[in-house]
Amino acid sequence: MHNITFDFSDLHLHGAAFYDFLALRKQIFVDQLGWDVPHNGTVEMDQYDTPVAHYSVVIHNGRVVGGARAMPTTALWGPHSYMLRDAHLGKLDHIPPEILPRDIATPEVWECTRLVISDSLKAQKTRATCLRLIVDGLVTRARGNGAREMICLSSLALMRALRQTGYDVHRYGPTYRNDEDGRIYAALRMPAELADPAAVAARRMGIQSVANLPLLQGAA
């Protein structure tokens, strides 16, 4: 299992990975969750899949098994900025404006969207590895472009999974129930830092400070 990152300028270097990522999104978001988003019989692709977007995709045994998208909160393409800001401005029907407590537009904050993991990955450990590869790929891409923080619109279940994987992620603003899939969502924020396995170990042992666990700093 390995990660690749790209944008529109170099997606051609990775064969069908981008198209296969769009196909995986369609399987999960449209076929399973019933979201009303642009799609055809094979792929899902929305107004934020543009040349200002960056992608992190995970490949396993030659197949795309996960991925996500990110862009700076300064992004603009036609009438659209980024998803949470457009919701904040009342442009998106299924997301309440108050989901983002304040307007954010700075190159130091990037938004992540469309995170998906294939149902073909059954084991919890394998899915956790896939999640880490996806998010670490986005973080690396964002940090390389000056980001210090990441935000996203996510289910609370994903927030727990991110914490268990080693990310210092917190809810940012109110929650709401999505009327399409019935799940509870909220805006999340976290430092643009790679997953920290030592922090996971500390939480599992009920220890708040990782500094108290010097022997775990090198554990992976």
C-alpha atoms as a PDB file:
ATOM      1  CA  MET A   1       0.000   0.000   0.000  1.00  0.00           C
ATOM      2  CA  HIS A   2       1.446   3.376  -0.980  1.00  0.00           C
ATOM      3  CA  ASN A   3       0.453   7.002  -1.438  1.00  0.00           C
ATOM      4  CA  ILE A   4       0.660   9.305  -4.448  1.00  0.00           C
ATOM      5  CA  THR A   5      -0.112  13.025  -4.576  1.00  0.00           C
ATOM      6  CA  PHE A   6      -0.808  15.174  -7.618  1.00  0.00           C
ATOM      7  CA  ASP A   7      -2.758  18.077  -9.062  1.00  0.00           C
ATOM      8  CA  PHE A   8      -4.058  18.719 -12.575  1.00  0.00           C
ATOM      9  CA  SER A   9      -0.576  19.569 -13.828  1.00  0.00           C
ATOM     10  CA  ASP A  10       0.814  16.076 -13.230  1.00  0.00           C
ATOM     11  CA  LEU A  11      -2.136  13.710 -12.808  1.00  0.00           C
ATOM     12  CA  HIS A  12      -1.265  12.227 -16.225  1.00  0.00           C
ATOM     13  CA  LEU A  13       1.873  10.741 -14.657  1.00  0.00           C
ATOM     14  CA  HIS A  14      -0.242   8.379 -12.563  1.00  0.00           C
ATOM     15  CA  GLY A  15      -2.281   6.622 -15.207  1.00  0.00           C
ATOM     16  CA  ALA A  16      -5.952   6.195 -14.308  1.00  0.00           C
ATOM     17  CA  ALA A  17      -5.504   6.994 -10.605  1.00  0.00           C
ATOM     18  CA  PHE A  18      -7.498  10.246 -10.728  1.00  0.00           C
ATOM     19  CA  TYR A  19     -10.377   8.690 -12.686  1.00  0.00           C
ATOM     20  CA  ASP A  20     -10.394   5.657 -10.408  1.00  0.00           C
ATOM     21  CA  PHE A  21     -10.538   7.952  -7.368  1.00  0.00           C
ATOM     22  CA  LEU A  22     -13.598   9.661  -8.867  1.00  0.00           C
ATOM     23  CA  ALA A  23     -15.132   6.228  -9.462  1.00  0.00           C
ATOM     24  CA  LEU A  24     -14.531   5.238  -5.828  1.00  0.00           C
ATOM     25  CA  ARG A  25     -16.190   8.462  -4.717  1.00  0.00           C
ATOM     26  CA  LYS A  26     -19.233   7.597  -6.796  1.00  0.00           C
ATOM     27  CA  GLN A  27     -19.465   4.142  -5.234  1.00  0.00           C
ATOM     28  CA  ILE A  28     -19.403   5.522  -1.697  1.00  0.00           C
ATOM     29  CA  PHE A  29     -21.053   8.936  -1.814  1.00  0.00           C
ATOM     30  CA  VAL A  30     -23.703   8.302  -4.475  1.00  0.00           C
ATOM     31  CA  ASP A  31     -24.397   4.550  -4.504  1.00  0.00           C
ATOM     32  CA  GLN A  32     -24.093   3.961  -0.744  1.00  0.00           C
ATOM     33  CA  LEU A  33     -24.829   7.283   0.970  1.00  0.00           C
ATOM     34  CA  GLY A  34     -27.273   8.651  -1.602  1.00  0.00           C
ATOM     35  CA  TRP A  35     -25.756  12.116  -1.872  1.00  0.00           C
ATOM     36  CA  ASP A  36     -27.209  14.469  -4.474  1.00  0.00           C
ATOM     37  CA  VAL A  37     -23.916  15.389  -6.134  1.00  0.00           C
ATOM     38  CA  PRO A  38     -22.881  15.573  -9.817  1.00  0.00           C
ATOM     39  CA  HIS A  39     -22.164  12.124 -11.254  1.00  0.00           C
ATOM     40  CA  ASN A  40     -22.731   9.770 -14.145  1.00  0.00           C
ATOM     41  CA  GLY A  41     -22.883   5.998 -14.138  1.00  0.00           C
ATOM     42  CA  THR A  42     -19.197   5.673 -13.232  1.00  0.00           C
ATOM     43  CA  VAL A  43     -17.738   8.715 -11.490  1.00  0.00           C
ATOM     44  CA  GLU A  44     -18.584  11.563  -9.106  1.00  0.00           C
ATOM     45  CA  MET A  45     -16.991  14.933  -9.834  1.00  0.00           C
ATOM     46  CA  ASP A  46     -18.081  18.288  -8.449  1.00  0.00           C
ATOM     47  CA  GLN A  47     -17.364  22.003  -8.818  1.00  0.00           C
ATOM     48  CA  TYR A  48     -14.264  21.761  -6.603  1.00  0.00           C
ATOM     49  CA  ASP A  49     -12.368  19.326  -8.832  1.00  0.00           C
ATOM     50  CA  THR A  50     -10.397  22.080 -10.569  1.00  0.00           C
ATOM     51  CA  PRO A  51      -6.772  23.038 -11.254  1.00  0.00           C
ATOM     52  CA  VAL A  52      -6.525  24.631  -7.782  1.00  0.00           C
ATOM     53  CA  ALA A  53      -7.227  21.270  -6.098  1.00  0.00           C
ATOM     54  CA  HIS A  54      -4.604  18.801  -4.865  1.00  0.00           C
ATOM     55  CA  TYR A  55      -5.129  15.073  -4.386  1.00  0.00           C
ATOM     56  CA  SER A  56      -3.780  12.313  -2.153  1.00  0.00           C
ATOM     57  CA  VAL A  57      -4.593   8.786  -3.334  1.00  0.00           C
ATOM     58  CA  VAL A  58      -3.677   5.383  -1.898  1.00  0.00           C
ATOM     59  CA  ILE A  59      -2.852   2.421  -4.157  1.00  0.00           C
ATOM     60  CA  HIS A  60      -3.037  -1.205  -2.992  1.00  0.00           C
ATOM     61  CA  ASN A  61      -2.295  -4.140  -5.294  1.00  0.00           C
ATOM     62  CA  GLY A  62      -2.544  -1.824  -8.279  1.00  0.00           C
ATOM     63  CA  ARG A  63      -5.981  -0.442  -7.322  1.00  0.00           C
ATOM     64  CA  VAL A  64      -7.108   2.867  -5.839  1.00  0.00           C
ATOM     65  CA  VAL A  65      -8.428   2.072  -2.353  1.00  0.00           C
ATOM     66  CA  GLY A  66      -8.650   5.542  -0.857  1.00  0.00           C
ATOM     67  CA  GLY A  67      -8.102   9.211  -1.399  1.00  0.00           C
ATOM     68  CA  ALA A  68      -9.043  12.789  -0.617  1.00  0.00           C
ATOM     69  CA  ARG A  69      -8.821  16.304  -2.001  1.00  0.00           C
ATOM     70  CA  ALA A  70      -7.410  19.526  -0.550  1.00  0.00           C
ATOM     71  CA  MET A  71      -7.060  23.162  -1.510  1.00  0.00           C
ATOM     72  CA  PRO A  72      -6.004  26.409   0.141  1.00  0.00           C
ATOM     73  CA  THR A  73      -8.758  28.509   1.681  1.00  0.00           C
ATOM     74  CA  THR A  74      -7.722  31.264  -0.727  1.00  0.00           C
ATOM     75  CA  ALA A  75      -8.842  29.071  -3.646  1.00  0.00           C
ATOM     76  CA  LEU A  76     -11.112  30.605  -6.277  1.00  0.00           C
ATOM     77  CA  TRP A  77     -12.402  29.042  -9.481  1.00  0.00           C
ATOM     78  CA  GLY A  78     -15.200  30.856 -11.246  1.00  0.00           C
ATOM     79  CA  PRO A  79     -18.021  31.524  -8.738  1.00  0.00           C
ATOM     80  CA  HIS A  80     -16.686  28.989  -6.228  1.00  0.00           C
ATOM     81  CA  SER A  81     -14.122  29.231  -3.429  1.00  0.00           C
ATOM     82  CA  TYR A  82     -13.884  26.120  -1.229  1.00  0.00           C
ATOM     83  CA  MET A  83     -16.670  23.950   0.141  1.00  0.00           C
ATOM     84  CA  LEU A  84     -16.924  25.184   3.746  1.00  0.00           C
ATOM     85  CA  ARG A  85     -16.691  28.830   2.700  1.00  0.00           C
ATOM     86  CA  ASP A  86     -19.321  28.424  -0.005  1.00  0.00           C
ATOM     87  CA  ALA A  87     -21.575  26.800   2.612  1.00  0.00           C
ATOM     88  CA  HIS A  88     -20.834  29.703   4.990  1.00  0.00           C
ATOM     89  CA  LEU A  89     -21.938  32.084   2.224  1.00  0.00           C
ATOM     90  CA  GLY A  90     -25.197  30.189   1.716  1.00  0.00           C
ATOM     91  CA  LYS A  91     -24.293  28.751  -1.691  1.00  0.00           C
ATOM     92  CA  LEU A  92     -24.770  25.044  -0.865  1.00  0.00           C
ATOM     93  CA  ASP A  93     -28.227  23.572  -0.271  1.00  0.00           C
ATOM     94  CA  HIS A  94     -27.322  20.633   1.970  1.00  0.00           C
ATOM     95  CA  ILE A  95     -24.836  22.377   4.303  1.00  0.00           C
ATOM     96  CA  PRO A  96     -26.025  25.043   6.796  1.00  0.00           C
ATOM     97  CA  PRO A  97     -24.152  28.395   6.677  1.00  0.00           C
ATOM     98  CA  GLU A  98     -23.349  28.340  10.405  1.00  0.00           C
ATOM     99  CA  ILE A  99     -21.233  25.187   9.992  1.00  0.00           C
ATOM    100  CA  LEU A 100     -18.189  27.464   9.557  1.00  0.00           C
ATOM    101  CA  PRO A 101     -18.152  29.903  12.496  1.00  0.00           C
ATOM    102  CA  ARG A 102     -16.151  32.559  10.646  1.00  0.00           C
ATOM    103  CA  ASP A 103     -14.928  33.310   7.168  1.00  0.00           C
ATOM    104  CA  ILE A 104     -11.458  31.861   6.551  1.00  0.00           C
ATOM    105  CA  ALA A 105      -9.284  32.802   3.581  1.00  0.00           C
ATOM    106  CA  THR A 106      -5.549  32.411   4.152  1.00  0.00           C
ATOM    107  CA  PRO A 107      -2.792  30.352   2.514  1.00  0.00           C
ATOM    108  CA  GLU A 108      -1.937  29.027   5.993  1.00  0.00           C
ATOM    109  CA  VAL A 109      -5.226  27.071   6.201  1.00  0.00           C
ATOM    110  CA  TRP A 110      -6.187  24.330   3.738  1.00  0.00           C
ATOM    111  CA  GLU A 111      -9.501  22.505   3.415  1.00  0.00           C
ATOM    112  CA  CYS A 112      -9.730  18.732   2.934  1.00  0.00           C
ATOM    113  CA  THR A 113     -12.772  17.167   1.267  1.00  0.00           C
ATOM    114  CA  ARG A 114     -14.063  13.961  -0.344  1.00  0.00           C
ATOM    115  CA  LEU A 115     -12.079  11.593   1.877  1.00  0.00           C
ATOM    116  CA  VAL A 116     -13.028   8.035   1.009  1.00  0.00           C
ATOM    117  CA  ILE A 117     -11.770   4.506   1.758  1.00  0.00           C
ATOM    118  CA  SER A 118     -12.813   1.454  -0.239  1.00  0.00           C
ATOM    119  CA  ASP A 119     -14.991  -1.219   1.348  1.00  0.00           C
ATOM    120  CA  SER A 120     -12.527  -3.742  -0.091  1.00  0.00           C
ATOM    121  CA  LEU A 121     -10.291  -2.947   2.886  1.00  0.00           C
ATOM    122  CA  LYS A 122     -11.889  -4.977   5.667  1.00  0.00           C
ATOM    123  CA  ALA A 123      -9.398  -5.090   8.545  1.00  0.00           C
ATOM    124  CA  GLN A 124      -9.429  -2.133  10.926  1.00  0.00           C
ATOM    125  CA  LYS A 125      -5.625  -1.912  10.926  1.00  0.00           C
ATOM    126  CA  THR A 126      -5.534  -1.833   7.112  1.00  0.00           C
ATOM    127  CA  ARG A 127      -8.179   0.884   6.962  1.00  0.00           C
ATOM    128  CA  ALA A 128      -6.282   2.895   9.585  1.00  0.00           C
ATOM    129  CA  THR A 129      -3.092   2.615   7.509  1.00  0.00           C
ATOM    130  CA  CYS A 130      -4.979   3.788   4.433  1.00  0.00           C
ATOM    131  CA  LEU A 131      -6.412   6.756   6.355  1.00  0.00           C
ATOM    132  CA  ARG A 132      -2.958   7.732   7.610  1.00  0.00           C
ATOM    133  CA  LEU A 133      -1.470   7.561   4.124  1.00  0.00           C
ATOM    134  CA  ILE A 134      -4.263   9.704   2.700  1.00  0.00           C
ATOM    135  CA  VAL A 135      -4.063  12.404   5.351  1.00  0.00           C
ATOM    136  CA  ASP A 136      -0.267  12.427   5.597  1.00  0.00           C
ATOM    137  CA  GLY A 137      -0.203  12.907   1.823  1.00  0.00           C
ATOM    138  CA  LEU A 138      -2.517  15.904   2.074  1.00  0.00           C
ATOM    139  CA  VAL A 139      -0.569  17.354   4.999  1.00  0.00           C
ATOM    140  CA  THR A 140       2.733  17.009   3.139  1.00  0.00           C
ATOM    141  CA  ARG A 141       1.252  18.656   0.069  1.00  0.00           C
ATOM    142  CA  ALA A 142      -0.294  21.491   2.104  1.00  0.00           C
ATOM    143  CA  ARG A 143       2.814  22.116   4.230  1.00  0.00           C
ATOM    144  CA  GLY A 144       4.890  22.291   1.061  1.00  0.00           C
ATOM    145  CA  ASN A 145       2.701  25.202   0.018  1.00  0.00           C
ATOM    146  CA  GLY A 146       2.852  27.092   3.307  1.00  0.00           C
ATOM    147  CA  ALA A 147      -0.077  25.622   5.253  1.00  0.00           C
ATOM    148  CA  ARG A 148      -0.065  25.419   9.042  1.00  0.00           C
ATOM    149  CA  GLU A 149      -3.587  24.145   9.634  1.00  0.00           C
ATOM    150  CA  MET A 150      -6.171  21.874   7.971  1.00  0.00           C
ATOM    151  CA  ILE A 151      -9.953  22.107   8.161  1.00  0.00           C
ATOM    152  CA  CYS A 152     -12.663  19.825   6.826  1.00  0.00           C
ATOM    153  CA  LEU A 153     -16.358  19.014   6.961  1.00  0.00           C
ATOM    154  CA  SER A 154     -16.607  15.530   8.394  1.00  0.00           C
ATOM    155  CA  SER A 155     -18.769  13.050  10.219  1.00  0.00           C
ATOM    156  CA  LEU A 156     -18.018  12.725  13.918  1.00  0.00           C
ATOM    157  CA  ALA A 157     -17.130   9.080  13.306  1.00  0.00           C
ATOM    158  CA  LEU A 158     -14.262  10.185  11.062  1.00  0.00           C
ATOM    159  CA  MET A 159     -13.108  12.631  13.729  1.00  0.00           C
ATOM    160  CA  ARG A 160     -12.727   9.720  16.150  1.00  0.00           C
ATOM    161  CA  ALA A 161     -10.880   7.671  13.523  1.00  0.00           C
ATOM    162  CA  LEU A 162      -8.494  10.553  12.845  1.00  0.00           C
ATOM    163  CA  ARG A 163      -7.710  10.890  16.536  1.00  0.00           C
ATOM    164  CA  GLN A 164      -7.116   7.156  16.832  1.00  0.00           C
ATOM    165  CA  THR A 165      -4.734   7.374  13.874  1.00  0.00           C
ATOM    166  CA  GLY A 166      -2.632  10.091  15.520  1.00  0.00           C
ATOM    167  CA  TYR A 167      -3.997  13.484  14.453  1.00  0.00           C
ATOM    168  CA  ASP A 168      -4.691  16.336  16.874  1.00  0.00           C
ATOM    169  CA  VAL A 169      -8.125  17.038  15.412  1.00  0.00           C
ATOM    170  CA  HIS A 170     -10.953  18.936  17.103  1.00  0.00           C
ATOM    171  CA  ARG A 171     -14.487  19.998  16.301  1.00  0.00           C
ATOM    172  CA  TYR A 172     -14.786  23.589  15.110  1.00  0.00           C
ATOM    173  CA  GLY A 173     -18.320  24.933  15.358  1.00  0.00           C
ATOM    174  CA  PRO A 174     -21.772  23.335  15.606  1.00  0.00           C
ATOM    175  CA  THR A 175     -22.929  19.942  14.391  1.00  0.00           C
ATOM    176  CA  TYR A 176     -25.785  19.191  11.992  1.00  0.00           C
ATOM    177  CA  ARG A 177     -27.564  16.109  10.708  1.00  0.00           C
ATOM    178  CA  ASN A 178     -27.178  15.507   6.979  1.00  0.00           C
ATOM    179  CA  ASP A 179     -30.668  14.959   5.553  1.00  0.00           C
ATOM    180  CA  GLU A 180     -29.256  12.734   2.788  1.00  0.00           C
ATOM    181  CA  ASP A 181     -27.412  10.094   4.820  1.00  0.00           C
ATOM    182  CA  GLY A 182     -28.625  10.781   8.375  1.00  0.00           C
ATOM    183  CA  ARG A 183     -25.106  11.227   9.772  1.00  0.00           C
ATOM    184  CA  ILE A 184     -23.927  13.953  12.146  1.00  0.00           C
ATOM    185  CA  TYR A 185     -21.354  16.313  10.620  1.00  0.00           C
ATOM    186  CA  ALA A 186     -19.218  19.192  11.841  1.00  0.00           C
ATOM    187  CA  ALA A 187     -16.304  21.329  10.718  1.00  0.00           C
ATOM    188  CA  LEU A 188     -13.003  19.977  12.063  1.00  0.00           C
ATOM    189  CA  ARG A 189      -9.592  21.565  12.391  1.00  0.00           C
ATOM    190  CA  MET A 190      -6.107  20.262  13.102  1.00  0.00           C
ATOM    191  CA  PRO A 191      -2.487  21.366  12.775  1.00  0.00           C
ATOM    192  CA  ALA A 192      -0.912  20.514   9.434  1.00  0.00           C
ATOM    193  CA  GLU A 193       1.202  17.821  11.049  1.00  0.00           C
ATOM    194  CA  LEU A 194       1.796  14.163  10.189  1.00  0.00           C
ATOM    195  CA  ALA A 195       0.179  11.421  12.266  1.00  0.00           C
ATOM    196  CA  ASP A 196       1.824  10.907  15.662  1.00  0.00           C
ATOM    197  CA  PRO A 197       1.788   7.234  16.797  1.00  0.00           C
ATOM    198  CA  ALA A 198       3.189   8.237  20.188  1.00  0.00           C
ATOM    199  CA  ALA A 199       0.157  10.443  20.823  1.00  0.00           C
ATOM    200  CA  VAL A 200      -2.120   7.497  20.055  1.00  0.00           C
ATOM    201  CA  ALA A 201      -0.234   5.323  22.525  1.00  0.00           C
ATOM    202  CA  ALA A 202      -0.463   8.063  25.153  1.00  0.00           C
ATOM    203  CA  ARG A 203      -4.220   8.396  24.763  1.00  0.00           C
ATOM    204  CA  ARG A 204      -4.702   4.645  24.977  1.00  0.00           C
ATOM    205  CA  MET A 205      -2.810   4.621  28.281  1.00  0.00           C
ATOM    206  CA  GLY A 206      -4.766   7.583  29.620  1.00  0.00           C
ATOM    207  CA  ILE A 207      -1.704   9.837  29.620  1.00  0.00           C
ATOM    208  CA  GLN A 208      -2.252  13.406  28.455  1.00  0.00           C
ATOM    209  CA  SER A 209       1.345  14.405  27.761  1.00  0.00           C
ATOM    210  CA  VAL A 210       3.380  12.509  25.216  1.00  0.00           C
ATOM    211  CA  ALA A 211       6.442  14.011  26.855  1.00  0.00           C
ATOM    212  CA  ASN A 212       5.871  11.554  29.681  1.00  0.00           C
ATOM    213  CA  LEU A 213       6.503   8.667  27.295  1.00  0.00           C
ATOM    214  CA  PRO A 214      10.063   9.083  25.992  1.00  0.00           C
ATOM    215  CA  LEU A 215      10.387   5.378  25.215  1.00  0.00           C
ATOM    216  CA  LEU A 216       7.438   5.565  22.831  1.00  0.00           C
ATOM    217  CA  GLN A 217       8.773   8.477  20.801  1.00  0.00           C
ATOM    218  CA  GLY A 218      10.629   6.137  18.472  1.00  0.00           C
ATOM    219  CA  ALA A 219       7.944   3.456  18.367  1.00  0.00           C
ATOM    220  CA  ALA A 220       6.113   3.065  15.085  1.00  0.00           C
END
